[in-house]
Amino acid sequence: MADFNLAFQWTMQFEDPRMECAQVPDVPPAGVRGPCFAISGINSGAWPADFATISAMPQNARKPAVEAFYQSRFWNNWFAQLSANELAMRVFDFAVNGGPGTAVRILQQAVNTLGGSLTLDGGWGPLTVAAVNAANQQALLQAFKTARAMRYEAIAAATPASAQYLSAWLKRAQL
């Protein structure tokens, strides 16, 4: 069974490496106007209610709330059923960075490159979990990293304003 704490720590190395839980300026998500801020990667434009709740707390008391946010919004019992922590950490991280449906769709695509026949619907379910766990975990991990990098490259090509993030995204995808 995959471990949420390992996945959370993996993702925090990108979102808030020192776990300071400080409010910092952040880029507004698509469709949001005006300034945005983030606390440990939780963007005020994307998650206004959660951000407001956490930002109202003293900074030194925010870590449990940040962890609870990521566990409730991005981790789920499907992640917990994955047999390999290395893969679960990266799929969880991509769910945080690219959206849960996109992360699962890219995982399904990676399974299919290894001979699977999953529908690329971005939905967790018993067929996806079974196919992921039955795959060669090292090969699947590499296929997922490659597919994730290709997704970032496609975003940068389609949205030139996003190209400035490409090198950081690719580094994150290949770790």
Foldseek 3Di string as FASTA:
>chain_A
DADLVLLVQLLLCPQPVVQQQDWAWDDADPPDDDTWIDGSLRICNVDVVLVVVLVVDPSVPRNVSVSVCLCVPQNDVLLVLAPDNLQSSLLSNCCSVPNQLVSLLLLVVLLVVVPDDDDSGSDDDPVSRVSCNVDDVVSSLVSSLVSQLVVLVVVCVVDVVSVVCNVVSNVSSVD
